[in-house]
Amino acid sequence: MTKTLHLNTLPAFGSPLSEADRLTVGSSAPDLVRPYLGLWGPIDTTPLIALPGIAVAAGVGQVLLKNEALRLGQGSFKALGGAYAVMVLFKRLLETHLGSEVRVTQLLSPTAKDFARSVTVCCATDGNHGKSVAAGARLLGCRAVIFVHQGVSDARIAALGADEIVRVPGSYDDSVNESERVAKEKGWFLVSDTSWPGYEETPAFVGQGYTILADEALRQIEEQGQAAPTHVFLQAGVGGFAGSIAGHLADRLGALKPTIIIVEPDRAACVFASAKAGKLISVAPTEPTVMAMLECYTPSLIAWRVLERTVDAFMTVAEQEAKQAMRALAFPKGGEKPIVAGESGAAGLAGLLAIARDQVASAALKLDKDSRVLVINTETATDPASYEAIVGLSPTTVMQKG
């Protein structure tokens, strides 16, 4: 077996989700999320796009891409999670303040807006999660403080839209620790997308928001008269996104659950390392990865609980493989329109293309000419200069080609 692919041999693999995790990310979860997201106004479903040229290149029957670059005008699937968690948290705070139950639609009332001025939410981010938390806070009228580590680019920081940015030396994990410390010190409300012992509920709400994506994709596939996917490649940082989608698919599809493969940068593969170790572990930071949104070194506790039960395999991809996947989407060969995918957004596709080049790995995953593969472009070009350096054209130029 290739050293970049590890089949799931964990004792929990194949066992059902806990009742708590099933309620968080299972079949009923999207219906809990939609009323809150409705505060934005009408929610457009992001496109599900067939990629026949890439299917031919990968030697599979079909490749479908869910394009989250267009999600809520924020350029990332993260728009679904952080903002939703802020809304749920704020509703609870407002109910405690008023001493009575509050409807979701009342979260934008004058009374709520007046109370919101006293609330500060915060989080650590590589970029997209913080942008979502800040957007949710802005909608409600709360204050948002976002912690960023030294590897977050100026372009990504500028796009956050927060009231205050706190720069933290070190890695993403260092910024998580600092956001937790300062939140306790100042009485702010921490909205993290990763979890640890004693801090699980809020990250669970973040993950619950992401189930909208999985629900949409399954509905779109059914509406197009197609069979459910046989394989799904999901990129992971701390694993929150991957756990939410994998858990939803497992609960929703049951025995028809597709083969799920987790894809991480080889420079920040904490979930892969945990799978090989047989338990949740951290990995030491090494070189920064171009897949900046996935540059995490400790898996989320609640995500790990779901992943160890539902994921069939774990893999890593190299820097060049992510860049090649970005170019494959920008310069399609099957008549498709160009798609702008950021470095982390293209990681799932990079995983598919890497497996397709490896006969042993393909056989292990039963990836062949009859396979129906789902990948997710989790983000647009969140750093346009970096994108242009990799692809050779600006994001705007790529989109104009279509």
Protein backbone atom coordinates (compact mmCIF):
# COMPACT_ATOMS: atom_id res chain seq x y z
CA MET A 1 0.00 0.00 0.00
CA THR A 2 1.30 3.48 -0.86
CA LYS A 3 2.60 5.37 2.17
CA THR A 4 0.21 8.24 1.44
CA LEU A 5 -2.91 6.07 1.84
CA HIS A 6 -4.01 4.38 5.05
CA LEU A 7 -7.11 2.19 5.24
CA ASN A 8 -9.23 2.56 8.35
CA THR A 9 -8.40 -0.27 10.75
CA LEU A 10 -9.62 1.50 13.89
CA PRO A 11 -11.77 -0.60 16.27
CA ALA A 12 -14.65 1.88 16.02
CA PHE A 13 -14.82 1.73 12.22
CA GLY A 14 -18.28 0.76 11.03
CA SER A 15 -19.95 1.27 14.37
CA PRO A 16 -22.95 3.63 14.50
CA LEU A 17 -22.65 7.25 15.50
CA SER A 18 -23.35 8.12 19.09
CA GLU A 19 -26.83 9.50 19.64
CA ALA A 20 -25.38 12.95 20.31
CA ASP A 21 -23.34 12.94 17.11
CA ARG A 22 -26.26 11.59 15.09
CA LEU A 23 -28.45 14.44 16.32
CA THR A 24 -25.71 16.93 15.49
CA VAL A 25 -24.85 15.87 11.91
CA GLY A 26 -27.41 13.21 10.98
CA SER A 27 -30.44 13.25 8.71
CA SER A 28 -32.45 15.77 10.72
CA ALA A 29 -29.64 18.32 11.16
CA PRO A 30 -30.22 20.48 8.05
CA ASP A 31 -33.80 21.24 9.10
CA LEU A 32 -32.46 22.68 12.35
CA VAL A 33 -30.03 24.94 10.50
CA ARG A 34 -32.23 26.40 7.76
CA PRO A 35 -34.34 28.79 9.89
CA TYR A 36 -31.19 30.49 11.14
CA LEU A 37 -29.57 30.78 7.72
CA GLY A 38 -32.85 32.28 6.53
CA LEU A 39 -31.89 35.42 8.43
CA TRP A 40 -29.58 36.16 5.50
CA GLY A 41 -32.60 36.14 3.18
CA PRO A 42 -33.12 33.63 0.35
CA ILE A 43 -30.40 30.97 0.36
CA ASP A 44 -29.23 29.86 -3.07
CA THR A 45 -28.16 26.26 -3.52
CA THR A 46 -24.56 26.05 -4.70
CA PRO A 47 -24.00 24.30 -8.05
CA LEU A 48 -23.32 20.60 -8.50
CA ILE A 49 -21.17 20.35 -11.63
CA ALA A 50 -20.31 17.34 -13.77
CA LEU A 51 -16.63 17.09 -14.76
CA PRO A 52 -16.49 14.61 -17.66
CA GLY A 53 -12.95 15.53 -18.65
CA ILE A 54 -11.62 14.88 -15.17
CA ALA A 55 -13.62 11.64 -14.99
CA VAL A 56 -11.85 10.43 -18.13
CA ALA A 57 -8.46 11.48 -16.74
CA ALA A 58 -9.16 9.66 -13.47
CA GLY A 59 -10.53 6.57 -15.19
CA VAL A 60 -13.87 6.71 -13.36
CA GLY A 61 -17.45 6.78 -14.57
CA GLN A 62 -18.40 10.17 -13.18
CA VAL A 63 -17.00 13.08 -11.19
CA LEU A 64 -19.37 15.61 -9.62
CA LEU A 65 -18.10 18.77 -7.94
CA LYS A 66 -20.11 20.75 -5.38
CA ASN A 67 -18.92 24.33 -5.80
CA GLU A 68 -18.90 26.06 -2.41
CA ALA A 69 -16.94 28.98 -3.83
CA LEU A 70 -20.34 30.59 -4.37
CA ARG A 71 -21.73 30.07 -0.85
CA LEU A 72 -23.56 33.13 0.56
CA GLY A 73 -21.19 35.52 -1.17
CA GLN A 74 -18.40 34.53 1.23
CA GLY A 75 -16.44 32.25 -1.07
CA SER A 76 -16.42 29.19 1.16
CA PHE A 77 -18.53 26.46 2.76
CA LYS A 78 -17.45 27.94 6.11
CA ALA A 79 -20.21 30.51 5.68
CA LEU A 80 -22.61 27.77 6.79
CA GLY A 81 -20.92 26.95 10.09
CA GLY A 82 -19.45 29.85 12.03
CA ALA A 83 -22.30 32.25 11.37
CA TYR A 84 -24.87 29.60 12.33
CA ALA A 85 -23.07 28.85 15.60
CA VAL A 86 -22.98 32.58 16.41
CA MET A 87 -26.74 32.78 15.82
CA VAL A 88 -27.50 29.76 18.02
CA LEU A 89 -25.27 31.09 20.79
CA PHE A 90 -26.76 34.58 20.55
CA LYS A 91 -30.32 33.21 20.73
CA ARG A 92 -29.47 31.49 24.01
CA LEU A 93 -27.84 34.60 25.41
CA LEU A 94 -30.82 36.75 24.44
CA GLU A 95 -33.28 34.31 25.99
CA THR A 96 -31.31 34.39 29.24
CA HIS A 97 -31.20 38.19 29.12
CA LEU A 98 -34.95 38.51 28.50
CA GLY A 99 -36.02 35.57 30.64
CA SER A 100 -38.24 34.23 27.90
CA GLU A 101 -38.11 32.16 24.72
CA VAL A 102 -37.13 33.93 21.52
CA ARG A 103 -38.07 32.95 17.97
CA VAL A 104 -35.31 32.83 15.38
CA THR A 105 -36.94 35.65 13.45
CA GLN A 106 -36.69 37.87 16.53
CA LEU A 107 -32.90 37.77 16.49
CA LEU A 108 -32.91 40.82 14.21
CA SER A 109 -35.45 42.79 16.25
CA PRO A 110 -34.58 46.19 17.79
CA THR A 111 -34.49 44.59 21.25
CA ALA A 112 -32.04 41.98 20.03
CA LYS A 113 -29.90 44.56 18.24
CA ASP A 114 -29.70 46.62 21.41
CA PHE A 115 -28.55 43.59 23.43
CA ALA A 116 -26.09 42.51 20.73
CA ARG A 117 -23.95 45.58 21.33
CA SER A 118 -22.93 44.05 24.66
CA VAL A 119 -21.81 40.73 23.13
CA THR A 120 -18.33 39.97 21.76
CA VAL A 121 -17.64 36.72 19.91
CA CYS A 122 -14.18 35.52 18.99
CA CYS A 123 -12.35 32.66 17.31
CA ALA A 124 -9.07 31.59 15.76
CA THR A 125 -8.91 31.11 12.02
CA ASP A 126 -6.84 30.30 8.96
CA GLY A 127 -9.24 32.61 7.12
CA ASN A 128 -12.63 31.23 6.18
CA HIS A 129 -14.05 30.31 9.61
CA GLY A 130 -13.22 33.72 11.01
CA LYS A 131 -14.87 35.37 8.05
CA SER A 132 -18.06 33.41 8.75
CA VAL A 133 -18.02 34.20 12.49
CA ALA A 134 -17.50 37.89 11.73
CA ALA A 135 -20.35 37.85 9.19
CA GLY A 136 -22.74 36.27 11.68
CA ALA A 137 -21.75 38.78 14.33
CA ARG A 138 -22.18 41.66 11.90
CA LEU A 139 -25.66 40.47 10.92
CA LEU A 140 -26.76 40.37 14.56
CA GLY A 141 -24.90 43.49 15.67
CA CYS A 142 -22.34 41.77 17.91
CA ARG A 143 -18.65 42.59 18.04
CA ALA A 144 -16.21 40.09 16.48
CA VAL A 145 -12.54 39.63 17.39
CA ILE A 146 -10.57 37.20 15.21
CA PHE A 147 -7.21 35.63 16.11
CA VAL A 148 -4.85 34.78 13.25
CA HIS A 149 -1.48 33.04 13.31
CA GLN A 150 1.61 34.26 11.51
CA GLY A 151 0.98 32.11 8.44
CA VAL A 152 -2.29 33.82 7.49
CA SER A 153 -1.72 36.07 4.47
CA ASP A 154 -2.55 39.77 4.45
CA ALA A 155 -5.14 39.19 1.72
CA ARG A 156 -7.00 36.65 3.84
CA ILE A 157 -6.83 38.91 6.90
CA ALA A 158 -8.19 41.85 4.91
CA ALA A 159 -11.20 39.78 3.87
CA LEU A 160 -12.24 38.81 7.41
CA GLY A 161 -14.49 41.78 8.08
CA ALA A 162 -13.92 41.63 11.85
CA ASP A 163 -14.02 44.49 14.35
CA GLU A 164 -10.60 43.56 15.65
CA ILE A 165 -7.76 41.31 14.45
CA VAL A 166 -5.29 39.80 16.92
CA ARG A 167 -2.09 38.42 15.40
CA VAL A 168 -0.55 35.48 17.24
CA PRO A 169 3.02 34.17 16.75
CA GLY A 170 3.27 30.52 15.79
CA SER A 171 0.81 28.10 14.22
CA TYR A 172 -2.96 27.74 13.96
CA ASP A 173 -2.94 25.68 17.16
CA ASP A 174 -1.22 28.58 18.95
CA SER A 175 -3.93 30.98 17.78
CA VAL A 176 -6.61 28.57 19.04
CA ASN A 177 -4.98 28.46 22.46
CA GLU A 178 -4.66 32.24 22.61
CA SER A 179 -8.29 32.83 21.57
CA GLU A 180 -9.43 30.48 24.35
CA ARG A 181 -7.26 32.25 26.93
CA VAL A 182 -8.37 35.76 26.00
CA ALA A 183 -12.03 34.77 25.77
CA LYS A 184 -11.93 33.49 29.35
CA GLU A 185 -10.05 36.56 30.53
CA LYS A 186 -12.40 39.09 28.92
CA GLY A 187 -15.72 37.25 29.12
CA TRP A 188 -16.02 36.93 25.35
CA PHE A 189 -17.87 34.07 23.70
CA LEU A 190 -15.58 31.65 21.88
CA VAL A 191 -16.91 30.22 18.60
CA SER A 192 -14.24 27.71 17.61
CA ASP A 193 -14.57 25.19 14.81
CA THR A 194 -12.32 22.74 16.62
CA SER A 195 -13.04 21.00 19.92
CA TRP A 196 -11.22 19.58 22.92
CA PRO A 197 -12.23 17.97 26.22
CA GLY A 198 -14.70 20.27 27.96
CA TYR A 199 -15.39 22.34 24.83
CA GLU A 200 -17.64 20.51 22.40
CA GLU A 201 -21.07 22.10 22.09
CA THR A 202 -20.22 25.22 20.09
CA PRO A 203 -17.95 23.40 17.57
CA ALA A 204 -20.77 20.88 17.19
CA PHE A 205 -23.06 23.70 16.10
CA VAL A 206 -20.41 24.84 13.61
CA GLY A 207 -20.31 21.34 12.14
CA GLN A 208 -24.07 21.10 12.12
CA GLY A 209 -24.20 24.09 9.81
CA TYR A 210 -22.10 22.27 7.24
CA THR A 211 -24.72 19.52 6.86
CA ILE A 212 -26.66 21.88 4.59
CA LEU A 213 -23.99 21.23 1.96
CA ALA A 214 -24.36 17.44 2.14
CA ASP A 215 -28.14 17.64 2.11
CA GLU A 216 -28.09 19.87 -0.97
CA ALA A 217 -25.70 17.59 -2.83
CA LEU A 218 -27.80 14.48 -2.21
CA ARG A 219 -30.97 16.30 -3.26
CA GLN A 220 -29.31 17.60 -6.43
CA ILE A 221 -28.04 14.14 -7.35
CA GLU A 222 -31.53 12.70 -6.87
CA GLU A 223 -33.17 15.51 -8.83
CA GLN A 224 -30.78 14.86 -11.71
CA GLY A 225 -31.91 11.23 -11.75
CA GLN A 226 -28.49 9.92 -10.77
CA ALA A 227 -27.43 7.25 -8.31
CA ALA A 228 -25.72 8.20 -5.07
CA PRO A 229 -21.91 8.54 -5.22
CA THR A 230 -19.76 5.49 -4.65
CA HIS A 231 -16.77 7.54 -3.47
CA VAL A 232 -16.42 10.90 -1.72
CA PHE A 233 -13.09 12.69 -1.21
CA LEU A 234 -13.18 15.16 1.70
CA GLN A 235 -10.35 17.50 2.62
CA ALA A 236 -9.54 17.95 6.31
CA GLY A 237 -7.76 20.39 8.58
CA VAL A 238 -8.97 19.67 12.12
CA GLY A 239 -11.61 17.44 10.52
CA GLY A 240 -14.75 19.41 11.36
CA PHE A 241 -15.96 19.73 7.78
CA ALA A 242 -15.06 16.15 6.90
CA GLY A 243 -16.71 14.79 10.04
CA SER A 244 -19.92 16.67 9.37
CA ILE A 245 -20.22 15.52 5.77
CA ALA A 246 -19.11 11.93 6.49
CA GLY A 247 -21.45 11.66 9.45
CA HIS A 248 -24.41 13.01 7.51
CA LEU A 249 -23.80 10.68 4.59
CA ALA A 250 -23.45 7.68 6.90
CA ASP A 251 -26.66 8.45 8.78
CA ARG A 252 -28.61 9.41 5.68
CA LEU A 253 -27.51 6.61 3.35
CA GLY A 254 -26.93 3.75 5.79
CA ALA A 255 -25.83 0.63 3.92
CA LEU A 256 -25.47 2.73 0.75
CA LYS A 257 -22.85 4.99 2.35
CA PRO A 258 -20.11 5.73 -0.19
CA THR A 259 -16.46 4.98 0.35
CA ILE A 260 -15.19 8.10 2.12
CA ILE A 261 -11.57 9.20 1.82
CA ILE A 262 -10.03 11.97 3.93
CA VAL A 263 -7.42 14.13 2.15
CA GLU A 264 -4.84 16.24 4.00
CA PRO A 265 -1.68 18.15 3.12
CA ASP A 266 1.35 15.96 3.76
CA ARG A 267 2.82 18.86 5.74
CA ALA A 268 -0.14 19.04 8.16
CA ALA A 269 -1.71 15.59 8.34
CA CYS A 270 -2.96 15.32 11.92
CA VAL A 271 -6.01 13.18 11.08
CA PHE A 272 -3.91 10.82 8.94
CA ALA A 273 -1.37 10.52 11.74
CA SER A 274 -4.11 9.85 14.29
CA ALA A 275 -5.57 7.10 12.11
CA LYS A 276 -2.17 5.43 11.84
CA ALA A 277 -1.53 5.81 15.57
CA GLY A 278 -4.92 4.39 16.47
CA LYS A 279 -5.85 7.39 18.60
CA LEU A 280 -6.17 11.16 18.40
CA ILE A 281 -2.72 12.75 18.40
CA SER A 282 -1.10 16.04 17.47
CA VAL A 283 1.68 16.43 14.93
CA ALA A 284 4.54 18.91 15.07
CA PRO A 285 4.46 21.86 12.66
CA THR A 286 6.99 21.65 9.85
CA GLU A 287 6.99 23.68 6.65
CA PRO A 288 3.92 25.78 5.88
CA THR A 289 1.60 24.29 3.28
CA VAL A 290 0.08 26.09 0.33
CA MET A 291 -3.21 24.47 1.46
CA ALA A 292 -3.34 27.09 4.19
CA MET A 293 -6.93 26.46 5.29
CA LEU A 294 -5.96 22.86 6.11
CA GLU A 295 -2.80 23.73 8.04
CA CYS A 296 -3.82 22.26 11.39
CA TYR A 297 -1.90 20.00 13.73
CA THR A 298 -4.48 18.62 16.19
CA PRO A 299 -7.77 17.00 15.15
CA SER A 300 -11.06 18.17 16.60
CA LEU A 301 -12.26 15.78 19.29
CA ILE A 302 -15.87 15.63 18.11
CA ALA A 303 -14.79 15.32 14.47
CA TRP A 304 -12.47 12.44 15.32
CA ARG A 305 -15.34 10.55 17.00
CA VAL A 306 -17.27 10.64 13.74
CA LEU A 307 -14.34 10.09 11.38
CA GLU A 308 -13.07 6.97 13.10
CA ARG A 309 -16.50 5.38 12.63
CA THR A 310 -17.39 6.50 9.11
CA VAL A 311 -14.24 7.05 7.03
CA ASP A 312 -12.84 4.24 4.89
CA ALA A 313 -9.38 5.65 4.24
CA PHE A 314 -7.06 8.52 5.04
CA MET A 315 -4.53 10.00 2.63
CA THR A 316 -2.14 12.88 2.10
CA VAL A 317 -1.31 14.97 -0.95
CA ALA A 318 1.79 16.96 -1.78
CA GLU A 319 1.95 20.67 -2.59
CA GLN A 320 2.32 20.08 -6.31
CA GLU A 321 -0.69 17.77 -6.40
CA ALA A 322 -2.95 20.50 -4.99
CA LYS A 323 -1.60 22.97 -7.53
CA GLN A 324 -2.21 20.52 -10.38
CA ALA A 325 -5.81 20.09 -9.25
CA MET A 326 -6.32 23.86 -9.25
CA ARG A 327 -5.03 24.02 -12.82
CA ALA A 328 -7.20 21.09 -13.89
CA LEU A 329 -10.28 23.04 -12.79
CA ALA A 330 -9.09 26.32 -14.30
CA PHE A 331 -8.25 24.73 -17.68
CA PRO A 332 -10.80 21.92 -18.18
CA LYS A 333 -10.43 19.49 -21.08
CA GLY A 334 -13.92 18.04 -21.21
CA GLY A 335 -15.92 21.04 -22.36
CA GLU A 336 -16.72 22.21 -18.82
CA LYS A 337 -16.62 25.82 -17.76
CA PRO A 338 -13.54 26.87 -15.77
CA ILE A 339 -13.85 26.68 -11.98
CA VAL A 340 -11.83 28.82 -9.58
CA ALA A 341 -10.69 26.70 -6.64
CA GLY A 342 -8.32 27.84 -3.93
CA GLU A 343 -5.43 25.71 -2.79
CA SER A 344 -7.46 24.04 -0.03
CA GLY A 345 -10.60 23.99 -2.16
CA ALA A 346 -8.94 21.74 -4.72
CA ALA A 347 -7.45 19.32 -2.18
CA GLY A 348 -10.25 16.75 -2.43
CA LEU A 349 -9.86 16.60 -6.19
CA ALA A 350 -6.10 16.37 -5.74
CA GLY A 351 -6.73 13.27 -3.65
CA LEU A 352 -8.84 11.66 -6.36
CA LEU A 353 -6.27 12.35 -9.08
CA ALA A 354 -3.44 11.03 -6.90
CA ILE A 355 -5.28 7.76 -6.19
CA ALA A 356 -6.18 7.42 -9.87
CA ARG A 357 -2.47 7.40 -10.72
CA ASP A 358 -1.80 4.57 -8.26
CA GLN A 359 -3.13 1.17 -9.36
CA VAL A 360 -2.62 -0.43 -5.96
CA ALA A 361 -4.42 2.38 -4.13
CA SER A 362 -7.23 2.43 -6.70
CA ALA A 363 -7.74 -1.30 -6.29
CA ALA A 364 -7.76 -0.98 -2.50
CA LEU A 365 -10.54 1.62 -2.72
CA LYS A 366 -12.36 -0.16 -5.57
CA LEU A 367 -12.06 3.00 -7.64
CA ASP A 368 -12.69 2.05 -11.27
CA LYS A 369 -14.56 2.86 -14.47
CA ASP A 370 -17.93 2.38 -12.78
CA SER A 371 -17.22 4.68 -9.82
CA ARG A 372 -19.27 7.81 -9.22
CA VAL A 373 -17.15 10.32 -7.34
CA LEU A 374 -18.17 13.43 -5.41
CA VAL A 375 -15.61 16.13 -4.58
CA ILE A 376 -16.19 19.51 -3.00
CA ASN A 377 -14.55 22.79 -3.94
CA THR A 378 -14.58 24.18 -0.44
CA GLU A 379 -13.30 27.64 -1.29
CA THR A 380 -12.63 30.14 -4.04
CA ALA A 381 -9.28 31.90 -4.45
CA THR A 382 -9.08 33.43 -0.97
CA ASP A 383 -5.62 34.81 -1.78
CA PRO A 384 -5.84 36.02 -5.40
CA ALA A 385 -2.11 36.71 -5.72
CA SER A 386 -1.24 33.19 -4.60
CA TYR A 387 -3.82 31.78 -6.99
CA GLU A 388 -2.41 33.69 -9.94
CA ALA A 389 1.12 32.58 -9.10
CA ILE A 390 0.01 28.95 -9.19
CA VAL A 391 -2.46 28.96 -12.09
CA GLY A 392 -0.88 31.63 -14.25
CA LEU A 393 -4.05 33.71 -14.52
CA SER A 394 -5.99 35.81 -12.04
CA PRO A 395 -9.25 34.38 -10.65
CA THR A 396 -11.19 37.02 -12.57
CA THR A 397 -9.51 36.10 -15.86
CA VAL A 398 -10.20 32.40 -15.30
CA MET A 399 -13.88 33.08 -14.69
CA GLN A 400 -14.08 35.30 -17.79
CA LYS A 401 -12.80 32.42 -19.89
CA GLY A 402 -16.06 30.61 -19.11
